[in-house]
């Protein structure tokens, strides 16, 4: 019996690499990863000997060089606000051109495609918590719009291809855990780094804005369950945690877990930064039988430990043990 063939774009990134690891341990499959390493890191997948790795940009990669795939997890895109704002045109290209290339390949080989969208498509929401039917409160003319609107147009592309490709759109809410880049500029990374360095924790705004934080293994489990579920030609499901904490509360939890009491410094809230973010996961519970199980303290302790190990690791290049495909 032939092994199932699975393609993961962005598979060297934070969520992507955790997904690849779980797929390897859960299925007898052949995994191919495409990543241009603009934010992904070889260190995330260097210990996985049985994957095919292609360093390439999905915007100009020749997909005809690939074998037929059965399933595609399309995660390729910058996701950290400092990164995508710095490379806004690249982000838009990835969302539209890259996604179109992946969709064309999926149609050609008859693969099921799971597209990683984002809670950012809800913008600065006026409906709380956010359900999949909410259209969002967004602006096309802000520094964050390249990502928010890029993902929205990518969802529209998915809709237009859904007559010939089975498509599952996962709107992923804030995710954290081992494998995330300590320098990605998001609140969990910033708070842990600052705490480990004995620096003041920086909060933008008054700290009352809220987030729902999902541990990466729970997010990955949700994506895998979604891929295996028959949901029709096209479907949309939120993947995130139901709990909601203010940014100030998150900062205090990290201080307590690390046993530090650094002061907190406040700075102006960036333009278009959402004030509230909370996932309504009723649909995921009903259709997938999925919900996150990792509590915040357990997840943060594992993440803090990962950051501590990251700080003491060598900076020498990591040897990749899998097969690097020359294309």
Protein backbone atom coordinates (compact mmCIF):
# COMPACT_ATOMS: atom_id res chain seq x y z
CA UNK A 1 0.00 0.00 0.00
CA UNK A 2 1.40 3.39 -1.01
CA UNK A 3 2.16 5.95 1.64
CA UNK A 4 -0.07 9.00 1.68
CA UNK A 5 1.73 12.04 0.27
CA UNK A 6 1.38 15.28 2.22
CA UNK A 7 2.72 18.71 1.26
CA UNK A 8 3.23 21.37 3.93
CA UNK A 9 4.02 24.88 2.73
CA UNK A 10 5.70 26.93 5.45
CA UNK A 11 6.65 23.67 7.13
CA UNK A 12 9.82 25.05 8.73
CA UNK A 13 7.87 27.75 10.52
CA UNK A 14 6.45 27.70 14.02
CA UNK A 15 3.07 26.03 13.49
CA UNK A 16 4.23 24.29 10.31
CA UNK A 17 7.14 22.47 11.93
CA UNK A 18 5.00 21.34 14.86
CA UNK A 19 2.44 20.09 12.34
CA UNK A 20 5.07 18.18 10.34
CA UNK A 21 6.34 16.52 13.52
CA UNK A 22 2.85 15.43 14.54
CA UNK A 23 1.99 14.17 11.06
CA UNK A 24 5.13 12.03 11.04
CA UNK A 25 4.27 10.46 14.38
CA UNK A 26 0.58 9.98 13.55
CA UNK A 27 0.53 8.65 9.98
CA UNK A 28 2.53 6.43 7.67
CA UNK A 29 3.08 9.19 5.14
CA UNK A 30 5.61 10.86 2.88
CA UNK A 31 5.97 14.53 3.78
CA UNK A 32 7.33 17.28 1.57
CA UNK A 33 8.04 20.71 3.04
CA UNK A 34 8.37 23.88 0.98
CA UNK A 35 9.73 26.90 2.85
CA UNK A 36 11.79 29.89 1.77
CA UNK A 37 13.12 30.29 5.34
CA UNK A 38 12.12 33.95 5.46
CA UNK A 39 10.76 33.31 8.94
CA UNK A 40 10.99 29.51 9.25
CA UNK A 41 14.17 27.93 10.61
CA UNK A 42 15.99 24.76 9.63
CA UNK A 43 16.52 24.09 13.33
CA UNK A 44 12.77 23.43 13.62
CA UNK A 45 12.94 20.39 11.32
CA UNK A 46 16.62 19.42 11.33
CA UNK A 47 16.01 16.32 13.46
CA UNK A 48 13.35 14.89 11.15
CA UNK A 49 15.15 12.42 8.86
CA UNK A 50 12.25 11.27 6.72
CA UNK A 51 10.98 14.47 5.13
CA UNK A 52 11.71 16.00 1.75
CA UNK A 53 12.68 19.65 2.10
CA UNK A 54 12.59 22.23 -0.69
CA UNK A 55 13.90 25.71 -0.01
CA UNK A 56 11.76 27.80 -2.32
CA UNK A 57 9.25 30.64 -2.51
CA UNK A 58 5.75 29.46 -3.44
CA UNK A 59 5.30 32.62 -5.52
CA UNK A 60 7.78 31.45 -8.17
CA UNK A 61 8.26 27.73 -7.47
CA UNK A 62 7.64 25.31 -10.34
CA UNK A 63 5.08 22.97 -8.79
CA UNK A 64 5.30 20.64 -11.79
CA UNK A 65 8.54 19.36 -10.24
CA UNK A 66 6.56 17.82 -7.36
CA UNK A 67 5.00 14.39 -7.18
CA UNK A 68 1.23 14.15 -6.94
CA UNK A 69 0.10 14.95 -3.39
CA UNK A 70 -2.95 13.67 -1.51
CA UNK A 71 -3.21 16.45 1.07
CA UNK A 72 -1.82 19.97 1.25
CA UNK A 73 -1.48 22.07 4.38
CA UNK A 74 -0.90 25.61 3.10
CA UNK A 75 0.71 27.57 5.94
CA UNK A 76 3.31 29.64 4.06
CA UNK A 77 3.15 33.33 5.00
CA UNK A 78 4.84 35.77 7.34
CA UNK A 79 2.64 35.99 10.43
CA UNK A 80 4.47 38.25 12.88
CA UNK A 81 3.32 41.90 12.66
CA UNK A 82 6.86 43.35 12.71
CA UNK A 83 7.88 40.94 9.95
CA UNK A 84 4.91 41.35 7.63
CA UNK A 85 4.84 45.12 8.06
CA UNK A 86 8.51 45.26 7.08
CA UNK A 87 7.86 43.00 4.06
CA UNK A 88 4.33 44.07 3.19
CA UNK A 89 4.52 43.53 -0.59
CA UNK A 90 6.08 40.08 -0.11
CA UNK A 91 3.24 39.25 2.30
CA UNK A 92 0.59 40.31 -0.21
CA UNK A 93 2.32 38.34 -2.97
CA UNK A 94 2.45 35.22 -0.81
CA UNK A 95 -1.24 35.52 0.05
CA UNK A 96 -2.41 35.99 -3.52
CA UNK A 97 0.19 34.70 -6.01
CA UNK A 98 1.50 31.97 -3.72
CA UNK A 99 -1.96 30.77 -2.73
CA UNK A 100 -3.09 30.76 -6.36
CA UNK A 101 -0.07 28.61 -7.29
CA UNK A 102 -0.84 26.16 -4.48
CA UNK A 103 -4.52 26.02 -5.48
CA UNK A 104 -3.63 25.31 -9.11
CA UNK A 105 -1.35 22.48 -7.99
CA UNK A 106 -4.05 21.07 -5.69
CA UNK A 107 -6.55 21.11 -8.56
CA UNK A 108 -4.08 19.41 -10.90
CA UNK A 109 -3.39 16.50 -8.56
CA UNK A 110 -6.79 16.27 -6.85
CA UNK A 111 -5.44 17.04 -3.38
CA UNK A 112 -7.49 18.20 -0.42
CA UNK A 113 -6.24 21.62 0.69
CA UNK A 114 -6.28 23.10 4.19
CA UNK A 115 -5.57 26.83 4.11
CA UNK A 116 -4.28 28.53 7.25
CA UNK A 117 -6.19 31.77 7.51
CA UNK A 118 -6.20 33.91 10.62
CA UNK A 119 -8.32 35.62 13.24
CA UNK A 120 -6.83 38.83 11.84
CA UNK A 121 -9.45 38.73 9.08
CA UNK A 122 -11.93 39.84 11.77
CA UNK A 123 -9.90 43.05 12.19
CA UNK A 124 -10.76 45.06 15.31
CA UNK A 125 -13.99 43.15 15.97
CA UNK A 126 -17.28 44.69 17.03
CA UNK A 127 -18.78 41.23 17.65
CA UNK A 128 -17.49 39.24 20.62
CA UNK A 129 -16.55 36.39 20.62
CA UNK A 130 -15.92 36.04 16.90
CA UNK A 131 -17.85 33.39 14.99
CA UNK A 132 -17.08 32.19 11.48
CA UNK A 133 -20.11 34.09 10.13
CA UNK A 134 -18.76 37.46 11.31
CA UNK A 135 -17.58 39.60 8.38
CA UNK A 136 -15.12 41.62 10.46
CA UNK A 137 -14.32 45.28 11.11
CA UNK A 138 -11.31 45.96 8.93
CA UNK A 139 -9.44 48.72 7.13
CA UNK A 140 -7.48 48.48 3.89
CA UNK A 141 -5.32 51.48 4.79
CA UNK A 142 -3.31 50.52 7.88
CA UNK A 143 0.13 48.99 8.44
CA UNK A 144 -1.51 45.64 9.32
CA UNK A 145 -3.70 45.55 6.21
CA UNK A 146 -1.15 43.69 4.08
CA UNK A 147 -1.69 40.60 6.26
CA UNK A 148 -5.38 41.02 7.13
CA UNK A 149 -6.46 41.82 3.58
CA UNK A 150 -3.99 39.36 2.08
CA UNK A 151 -5.59 36.53 4.02
CA UNK A 152 -9.08 37.76 3.13
CA UNK A 153 -8.34 37.75 -0.60
CA UNK A 154 -6.72 34.32 -0.21
CA UNK A 155 -9.97 33.05 1.32
CA UNK A 156 -11.82 34.48 -1.69
CA UNK A 157 -9.43 32.64 -4.01
CA UNK A 158 -10.21 29.45 -2.10
CA UNK A 159 -13.92 30.08 -2.64
CA UNK A 160 -13.40 30.55 -6.38
CA UNK A 161 -11.49 27.25 -6.62
CA UNK A 162 -13.90 25.26 -4.45
CA UNK A 163 -15.80 23.89 -7.44
CA UNK A 164 -12.73 21.81 -8.31
CA UNK A 165 -10.73 21.57 -5.05
CA UNK A 166 -11.94 20.43 -1.63
CA UNK A 167 -10.90 23.30 0.64
CA UNK A 168 -10.83 23.70 4.40
CA UNK A 169 -10.16 27.20 5.77
CA UNK A 170 -8.80 27.28 9.32
CA UNK A 171 -8.95 30.69 10.96
CA UNK A 172 -6.16 30.35 13.49
CA UNK A 173 -6.18 32.51 16.61
CA UNK A 174 -3.11 33.47 18.68
CA UNK A 175 -0.88 30.42 19.08
CA UNK A 176 2.23 30.02 21.24
CA UNK A 177 4.65 27.32 22.32
CA UNK A 178 7.99 25.65 21.53
CA UNK A 179 9.24 26.35 18.03
CA UNK A 180 8.08 29.95 17.92
CA UNK A 181 10.77 32.43 17.00
CA UNK A 182 11.94 34.27 20.13
CA UNK A 183 12.54 37.37 18.01
CA UNK A 184 9.17 37.44 16.25
CA UNK A 185 7.96 40.52 18.12
CA UNK A 186 4.66 39.13 19.39
CA UNK A 187 3.53 39.52 22.98
CA UNK A 188 4.45 36.05 24.28
CA UNK A 189 7.90 36.20 22.69
CA UNK A 190 8.48 39.75 23.90
CA UNK A 191 7.33 39.11 27.46
CA UNK A 192 9.35 35.91 27.89
CA UNK A 193 12.51 37.40 26.37
CA UNK A 194 12.23 40.51 28.51
CA UNK A 195 11.61 38.45 31.64
CA UNK A 196 14.59 36.16 30.95
CA UNK A 197 16.80 39.21 30.38
CA UNK A 198 15.60 40.98 33.52
CA UNK A 199 14.17 43.82 31.45
CA UNK A 200 10.91 45.73 31.92
CA UNK A 201 7.96 44.13 30.14
CA UNK A 202 6.62 46.42 27.44
CA UNK A 203 2.88 46.78 26.92
CA UNK A 204 1.45 48.75 24.02
CA UNK A 205 -1.74 50.49 25.05
CA UNK A 206 -3.14 50.37 28.57
CA UNK A 207 -3.02 46.56 28.74
CA UNK A 208 -6.79 46.11 28.68
CA UNK A 209 -6.86 44.69 25.15
CA UNK A 210 -7.59 40.95 25.16
CA UNK A 211 -6.28 37.85 23.44
CA UNK A 212 -7.15 34.14 23.50
CA UNK A 213 -3.98 32.05 23.53
CA UNK A 214 -3.88 28.48 22.22
CA UNK A 215 -0.94 26.14 22.83
CA UNK A 216 0.64 24.94 19.61
CA UNK A 217 0.00 21.21 20.10
CA UNK A 218 -3.71 21.96 20.51
CA UNK A 219 -3.73 24.12 17.38
CA UNK A 220 -1.96 21.41 15.38
CA UNK A 221 -4.34 18.76 16.67
CA UNK A 222 -7.24 20.91 15.50
CA UNK A 223 -5.74 21.30 12.02
CA UNK A 224 -5.18 17.55 11.70
CA UNK A 225 -8.71 16.73 12.86
CA UNK A 226 -10.07 19.27 10.40
CA UNK A 227 -8.15 17.76 7.50
CA UNK A 228 -9.59 14.31 8.24
CA UNK A 229 -13.20 15.52 8.53
CA UNK A 230 -15.55 15.59 5.55
CA UNK A 231 -16.93 19.13 5.57
CA UNK A 232 -18.04 19.51 1.96
CA UNK A 233 -16.48 21.43 -0.96
CA UNK A 234 -15.48 24.44 1.18
CA UNK A 235 -15.71 25.12 4.90
CA UNK A 236 -14.44 27.59 7.50
CA UNK A 237 -13.64 26.77 11.13
CA UNK A 238 -12.06 28.82 13.93
CA UNK A 239 -9.12 27.13 15.65
CA UNK A 240 -8.25 28.81 18.95
CA UNK A 241 -8.80 28.91 22.69
CA UNK A 242 -12.06 30.00 24.31
CA UNK A 243 -10.40 31.72 27.26
CA UNK A 244 -9.71 35.44 27.15
CA UNK A 245 -7.05 37.38 29.04
CA UNK A 246 -5.98 40.98 29.00
CA UNK A 247 -2.43 41.73 27.89
CA UNK A 248 -1.69 42.94 31.43
CA UNK A 249 -2.89 39.62 32.87
CA UNK A 250 -0.67 37.69 30.44
CA UNK A 251 2.34 39.78 31.50
CA UNK A 252 1.68 39.11 35.19
CA UNK A 253 1.33 35.34 34.61
CA UNK A 254 4.72 35.23 32.86
CA UNK A 255 6.32 37.27 35.64
CA UNK A 256 4.95 34.89 38.26
CA UNK A 257 5.94 31.71 36.40
CA UNK A 258 9.48 32.96 35.86
CA UNK A 259 9.74 34.17 39.44
CA UNK A 260 10.60 37.69 38.37
CA UNK A 261 8.99 41.03 39.13
CA UNK A 262 10.26 43.31 36.39
CA UNK A 263 8.35 46.53 36.11
CA UNK A 264 5.97 47.06 33.24
CA UNK A 265 6.41 49.94 30.81
CA UNK A 266 3.55 51.27 28.70
CA UNK A 267 3.76 52.66 25.17
CA UNK A 268 1.16 53.96 22.69
CA UNK A 269 -1.03 51.32 21.03
CA UNK A 270 -0.02 50.76 17.38
CA UNK A 271 -2.47 51.76 14.67
CA UNK A 272 -5.23 49.20 13.98
CA UNK A 273 -4.14 46.89 16.81
CA UNK A 274 -7.29 44.91 17.77
CA UNK A 275 -8.78 45.70 21.19
CA UNK A 276 -10.49 42.32 21.67
CA UNK A 277 -9.84 38.87 20.33
CA UNK A 278 -11.69 35.74 21.46
CA UNK A 279 -12.46 32.62 19.46
CA UNK A 280 -15.92 31.12 19.26
CA UNK A 281 -15.07 27.44 18.69
CA UNK A 282 -18.59 26.01 18.84
CA UNK A 283 -18.27 24.84 15.24
CA UNK A 284 -14.95 23.08 15.87
CA UNK A 285 -16.43 21.30 18.88
CA UNK A 286 -19.50 20.19 16.96
CA UNK A 287 -17.95 19.17 13.63
CA UNK A 288 -14.47 18.05 14.69
CA UNK A 289 -14.97 16.99 18.28
CA UNK A 290 -12.03 19.29 19.01
CA UNK A 291 -11.20 21.68 21.78
CA UNK A 292 -7.89 22.81 23.32
CA UNK A 293 -6.83 21.09 26.54
CA UNK A 294 -3.56 22.80 27.52
CA UNK A 295 -4.04 25.39 30.26
CA UNK A 296 -2.12 28.65 29.97
CA UNK A 297 0.29 28.06 32.84
CA UNK A 298 1.34 24.60 31.61
CA UNK A 299 1.81 25.90 28.09
CA UNK A 300 3.78 28.94 29.19
CA UNK A 301 6.09 26.87 31.39
CA UNK A 302 6.98 24.70 28.38
CA UNK A 303 7.45 27.80 26.26
CA UNK A 304 9.68 29.51 28.83
CA UNK A 305 11.81 26.35 29.03
CA UNK A 306 12.09 26.32 25.22
CA UNK A 307 13.21 29.96 25.20
CA UNK A 308 15.82 29.22 27.89
CA UNK A 309 17.19 26.31 25.85
CA UNK A 310 17.15 28.45 22.72
CA UNK A 311 19.31 31.09 24.41
CA UNK A 312 22.07 28.59 25.26
CA UNK A 313 22.08 26.74 21.94
CA UNK A 314 25.01 27.14 19.59
CA UNK A 315 24.60 29.63 16.76
CA UNK A 316 26.43 27.35 14.33
CA UNK A 317 24.43 26.15 11.27
CA UNK A 318 22.21 23.15 11.94
CA UNK A 319 22.81 19.97 9.95
CA UNK A 320 19.63 18.79 8.23
CA UNK A 321 19.11 15.02 8.41
CA UNK A 322 16.29 14.71 5.88
CA UNK A 323 16.42 14.83 2.11
CA UNK A 324 16.92 18.27 0.59
CA UNK A 325 15.34 18.24 -2.85
CA UNK A 326 17.33 20.29 -5.40
CA UNK A 327 14.50 22.18 -7.05
